[in-house]
Amino acid sequence: MFGRKKRAYHPRAAVAEVLERRLLLDGTVTAVKNENLDVGDLDGGDADVIVPAGVSVTANQVRVNQLTIDGKLSINPNPNGILDPTGASFVNTLVLATNSSGAFTGTLDLGNNVLIINEPSEDAALDEYNIIWSAIQTGYNSDWLGPGIISSAAANDPTDQTSIGVAIVNQLFGGETVEWSGQTINSDDIIVAVTDAGDADLNGVVDLNDFDQWLYGYTGGGNSWAYGNFDYNGVVDLNDFNTWNL
């Protein structure tokens, strides 16, 4: 799963806990329409969270099986940012709703946090990565206001030096499992992190290692965030270098 010990999921306890928030129904967490809810730590174990259209939910973190968003889910700001293991969100499946034209209608606001998506295989990771990339691209092109995957921290940064990075773990580290942000994650998992623009390796710091990643992409090695494509246009170029050099 997430490379960490899962907390036991007790349906009765969860029902008792979440009924106060009017969220849980038979193991599936469902927000109530036309309400704005702050649910705190949304750690549902094997539960599925559904945020319907017209619903706005705020949480400190989300750790569930499947997260489906047709409305808006916002993660509260974390004082310590992406490298704080207590603030990381985990899901096995992320579904952002789209309309009949394929445009995203759901919004995930990561604030200044990180989301780790567990993937069972390399092929599944690549498929999910392309969807996540498109969702972030949509958010980026809306000045991080939505829909898609957005960051209120980036939207409110007057310096435009905050962004969202995304990478499959094996793009950054290779190997089977790695320790990242205090978590053990697998090579096919996907990291979605709010960080400094130009932080190719998602370690929270823009440095010469990120330049090396950009140079690798610029010379034909790849065109993803991990290889220096910081403006989500599918091309690693001097504009991306300027982002790194801010």
Protein backbone atom coordinates (compact mmCIF):
# COMPACT_ATOMS: atom_id res chain seq x y z
CA MET A 1 0.00 0.00 0.00
CA PHE A 2 1.75 3.18 1.21
CA GLY A 3 4.82 1.45 2.62
CA ARG A 4 3.70 2.26 6.16
CA LYS A 5 1.71 0.47 8.81
CA LYS A 6 -1.96 1.09 8.13
CA ARG A 7 -4.18 2.04 10.99
CA ALA A 8 -6.86 -0.55 11.59
CA TYR A 9 -10.19 0.55 10.17
CA HIS A 10 -13.12 -0.03 12.50
CA PRO A 11 -16.41 0.77 10.69
CA ARG A 12 -18.46 1.24 13.86
CA ALA A 13 -15.91 3.58 15.39
CA ALA A 14 -15.66 5.48 12.11
CA VAL A 15 -19.43 5.77 11.87
CA ALA A 16 -19.61 7.09 15.42
CA GLU A 17 -16.80 9.53 14.75
CA VAL A 18 -17.95 10.89 11.42
CA LEU A 19 -21.68 10.94 11.99
CA GLU A 20 -20.99 14.04 14.05
CA ARG A 21 -19.73 15.56 10.82
CA ARG A 22 -22.54 13.92 8.82
CA LEU A 23 -20.02 12.43 6.41
CA LEU A 24 -19.96 8.68 6.69
CA LEU A 25 -22.44 6.22 5.21
CA ASP A 26 -21.73 2.48 5.16
CA GLY A 27 -17.96 2.86 4.88
CA THR A 28 -18.10 5.58 2.24
CA VAL A 29 -17.36 9.13 3.34
CA THR A 30 -19.73 11.49 1.54
CA ALA A 31 -19.89 15.24 2.12
CA VAL A 32 -23.29 16.86 2.52
CA LYS A 33 -24.24 19.04 -0.43
CA ASN A 34 -24.43 22.81 -0.01
CA GLU A 35 -22.33 22.73 3.14
CA ASN A 36 -18.77 23.88 3.74
CA LEU A 37 -17.20 21.44 6.17
CA ASP A 38 -13.86 21.44 7.99
CA VAL A 39 -13.32 17.80 8.94
CA GLY A 40 -9.83 18.04 10.49
CA ASP A 41 -7.76 14.86 10.04
CA LEU A 42 -9.66 12.76 7.51
CA ASP A 43 -8.01 9.38 8.12
CA GLY A 44 -10.55 6.88 6.87
CA GLY A 45 -8.41 3.78 6.38
CA ASP A 46 -10.07 1.78 3.60
CA ALA A 47 -12.95 4.23 3.19
CA ASP A 48 -13.73 6.09 -0.02
CA VAL A 49 -14.23 9.87 0.17
CA ILE A 50 -16.66 11.52 -2.24
CA VAL A 51 -16.96 15.30 -2.52
CA PRO A 52 -20.01 15.98 -4.72
CA ALA A 53 -20.53 18.99 -6.95
CA GLY A 54 -21.43 22.10 -4.99
CA VAL A 55 -19.66 20.85 -1.85
CA SER A 56 -16.56 22.41 -0.28
CA VAL A 57 -14.62 20.32 2.25
CA THR A 58 -11.52 21.36 4.18
CA ALA A 59 -9.19 18.90 5.91
CA ASN A 60 -5.80 18.85 7.60
CA GLN A 61 -4.89 15.76 5.61
CA VAL A 62 -6.62 12.94 3.75
CA ARG A 63 -5.60 9.31 4.15
CA VAL A 64 -8.15 7.07 2.47
CA ASN A 65 -8.54 4.46 -0.25
CA GLN A 66 -10.21 6.43 -3.05
CA LEU A 67 -10.73 10.18 -3.19
CA THR A 68 -13.33 11.38 -5.68
CA ILE A 69 -13.79 15.14 -6.10
CA ASP A 70 -16.57 16.76 -8.08
CA GLY A 71 -16.77 19.78 -5.78
CA LYS A 72 -13.74 21.19 -3.95
CA LEU A 73 -11.42 19.72 -1.33
CA SER A 74 -8.89 22.02 0.34
CA ILE A 75 -6.01 20.92 2.56
CA ASN A 76 -5.29 23.32 5.42
CA PRO A 77 -1.86 25.00 5.40
CA ASN A 78 0.92 23.13 7.17
CA PRO A 79 3.41 25.37 9.02
CA ASN A 80 6.26 23.02 8.06
CA GLY A 81 5.35 22.43 4.42
CA ILE A 82 5.95 19.31 2.35
CA LEU A 83 8.76 17.82 4.44
CA ASP A 84 6.56 17.43 7.52
CA PRO A 85 5.53 13.74 7.59
CA THR A 86 2.51 14.50 9.77
CA GLY A 87 0.95 16.63 7.04
CA ALA A 88 1.19 14.25 4.09
CA SER A 89 -1.99 12.97 2.45
CA PHE A 90 -2.20 9.44 1.00
CA VAL A 91 -4.69 7.87 -1.39
CA ASN A 92 -4.75 4.73 -3.51
CA THR A 93 -6.90 6.38 -6.18
CA LEU A 94 -7.58 10.03 -7.01
CA VAL A 95 -10.56 10.86 -9.25
CA LEU A 96 -11.13 14.46 -10.31
CA ALA A 97 -14.46 14.85 -12.07
CA THR A 98 -14.62 16.08 -15.65
CA ASN A 99 -17.44 17.29 -17.86
CA SER A 100 -18.57 15.80 -21.18
CA SER A 101 -15.76 17.66 -22.94
CA GLY A 102 -13.12 16.18 -20.66
CA ALA A 103 -12.46 19.45 -18.82
CA PHE A 104 -11.92 19.14 -15.09
CA THR A 105 -14.79 20.23 -12.85
CA GLY A 106 -13.44 19.03 -9.50
CA THR A 107 -10.84 21.03 -7.57
CA LEU A 108 -8.15 19.82 -5.18
CA ASP A 109 -6.39 22.63 -3.34
CA LEU A 110 -3.20 21.28 -1.78
CA GLY A 111 -2.40 24.52 0.03
CA ASN A 112 1.31 24.05 0.83
CA ASN A 113 1.16 20.30 1.31
CA VAL A 114 1.99 17.00 -0.34
CA LEU A 115 -0.17 14.19 -1.71
CA ILE A 116 1.21 10.69 -2.31
CA ILE A 117 -0.75 8.43 -4.64
CA ASN A 118 -0.05 4.73 -4.28
CA GLU A 119 0.23 2.91 -7.61
CA PRO A 120 0.33 -0.87 -8.09
CA SER A 121 2.54 -0.92 -11.20
CA GLU A 122 4.67 1.14 -13.55
CA ASP A 123 1.96 1.18 -16.24
CA ALA A 124 -0.68 2.32 -13.75
CA ALA A 125 1.68 5.02 -12.49
CA LEU A 126 2.26 6.38 -16.00
CA ASP A 127 -1.45 6.49 -16.76
CA GLU A 128 -2.25 8.24 -13.48
CA TYR A 129 0.71 10.59 -13.88
CA ASN A 130 -0.62 11.86 -17.21
CA ILE A 131 -3.99 12.62 -15.63
CA ILE A 132 -2.37 14.37 -12.66
CA TRP A 133 -0.16 16.37 -15.02
CA SER A 134 -3.22 17.57 -16.94
CA ALA A 135 -5.00 18.50 -13.72
CA ILE A 136 -2.01 20.52 -12.50
CA GLN A 137 -1.63 22.11 -15.94
CA THR A 138 -5.27 23.20 -15.71
CA GLY A 139 -4.62 24.66 -12.27
CA TYR A 140 -1.44 26.39 -13.41
CA ASN A 141 -3.20 27.96 -16.40
CA SER A 142 -5.93 29.32 -14.08
CA ASP A 143 -3.33 31.10 -11.90
CA TRP A 144 -3.90 28.31 -9.35
CA LEU A 145 -7.56 29.24 -8.86
CA GLY A 146 -9.10 26.07 -10.27
CA PRO A 147 -10.48 23.76 -11.29
CA GLY A 148 -8.00 20.89 -11.39
CA ILE A 149 -5.17 20.56 -8.89
CA ILE A 150 -4.32 23.95 -7.43
CA SER A 151 -2.49 25.59 -4.55
CA SER A 152 -3.86 28.54 -2.61
CA ALA A 153 -0.31 29.09 -1.37
CA ALA A 154 0.87 29.51 -4.95
CA ALA A 155 -2.12 31.66 -5.87
CA ASN A 156 -1.40 34.01 -2.97
CA ASP A 157 2.37 34.21 -3.49
CA PRO A 158 3.13 37.70 -4.88
CA THR A 159 6.59 36.54 -6.01
CA ASP A 160 5.20 33.70 -8.14
CA GLN A 161 7.88 31.44 -6.71
CA THR A 162 5.51 28.80 -5.35
CA SER A 163 4.28 26.02 -7.60
CA ILE A 164 3.17 22.39 -7.65
CA GLY A 165 5.64 19.71 -8.62
CA VAL A 166 4.77 16.15 -9.57
CA ALA A 167 6.93 13.10 -10.13
CA ILE A 168 6.82 9.34 -10.15
CA VAL A 169 9.19 8.21 -7.42
CA ASN A 170 11.44 6.33 -9.85
CA GLN A 171 12.00 9.56 -11.79
CA LEU A 172 13.67 11.00 -8.71
CA PHE A 173 15.22 8.10 -6.88
CA GLY A 174 14.84 4.83 -8.76
CA GLY A 175 14.88 1.65 -6.66
CA GLU A 176 12.01 -0.22 -5.08
CA THR A 177 11.32 1.85 -1.95
CA VAL A 178 12.65 5.14 -0.62
CA GLU A 179 12.28 7.33 2.44
CA TRP A 180 10.78 10.70 1.54
CA SER A 181 9.29 13.29 3.86
CA GLY A 182 9.42 10.75 6.66
CA GLN A 183 7.43 8.22 4.63
CA THR A 184 8.41 4.93 3.02
CA ILE A 185 7.11 5.01 -0.55
CA ASN A 186 7.39 2.70 -3.54
CA SER A 187 9.08 3.37 -6.86
CA ASP A 188 5.77 3.55 -8.75
CA ASP A 189 4.06 5.93 -6.32
CA ILE A 190 3.37 9.51 -7.39
CA ILE A 191 4.38 12.57 -5.37
CA VAL A 192 2.37 15.78 -5.83
CA ALA A 193 3.96 18.53 -3.77
CA VAL A 194 3.62 22.27 -3.32
CA THR A 195 7.16 23.60 -3.39
CA ASP A 196 9.40 26.32 -4.79
CA ALA A 197 9.19 26.83 -8.53
CA GLY A 198 12.32 25.19 -9.95
CA ASP A 199 12.53 22.46 -7.31
CA ALA A 200 12.83 19.58 -9.77
CA ASP A 201 13.74 16.90 -7.23
CA LEU A 202 11.03 17.94 -4.73
CA ASN A 203 13.33 18.24 -1.73
CA GLY A 204 12.07 21.69 -0.81
CA VAL A 205 15.22 23.50 -1.96
CA VAL A 206 16.16 25.00 -5.33
CA ASP A 207 19.84 24.30 -5.92
CA LEU A 208 22.37 23.03 -8.45
CA ASN A 209 20.89 19.54 -8.35
CA ASP A 210 17.73 21.03 -9.83
CA PHE A 211 19.81 22.76 -12.49
CA ASP A 212 21.31 19.38 -13.40
CA GLN A 213 17.79 17.97 -13.70
CA TRP A 214 16.80 20.90 -15.94
CA LEU A 215 19.93 20.45 -18.08
CA TYR A 216 19.17 16.76 -18.52
CA GLY A 217 15.69 17.63 -19.75
CA TYR A 218 16.91 20.53 -21.89
CA THR A 219 19.32 18.20 -23.72
CA GLY A 220 16.57 15.72 -24.50
CA GLY A 221 16.37 13.57 -21.38
CA GLY A 222 12.70 14.23 -20.63
CA ASN A 223 9.99 16.88 -20.45
CA SER A 224 8.39 16.35 -17.05
CA TRP A 225 8.67 18.43 -13.87
CA ALA A 226 11.47 16.17 -12.62
CA TYR A 227 13.45 17.10 -15.74
CA GLY A 228 12.87 20.82 -15.63
CA ASN A 229 9.48 21.50 -17.25
CA PHE A 230 8.27 23.95 -14.62
CA ASP A 231 5.57 25.72 -16.66
CA TYR A 232 3.65 22.60 -17.73
CA ASN A 233 3.87 23.30 -21.45
CA GLY A 234 5.57 20.00 -22.29
CA VAL A 235 8.83 21.64 -23.38
CA VAL A 236 11.98 22.11 -21.33
CA ASP A 237 13.44 25.43 -22.45
CA LEU A 238 15.05 28.66 -21.28
CA ASN A 239 11.82 29.82 -19.70
CA ASP A 240 12.16 26.88 -17.31
CA PHE A 241 15.77 27.81 -16.67
CA ASN A 242 14.63 31.31 -15.76
CA THR A 243 12.13 29.79 -13.34
CA TRP A 244 14.93 27.81 -11.71
CA ASN A 245 17.12 30.93 -11.63
CA LEU A 246 14.58 33.20 -9.90
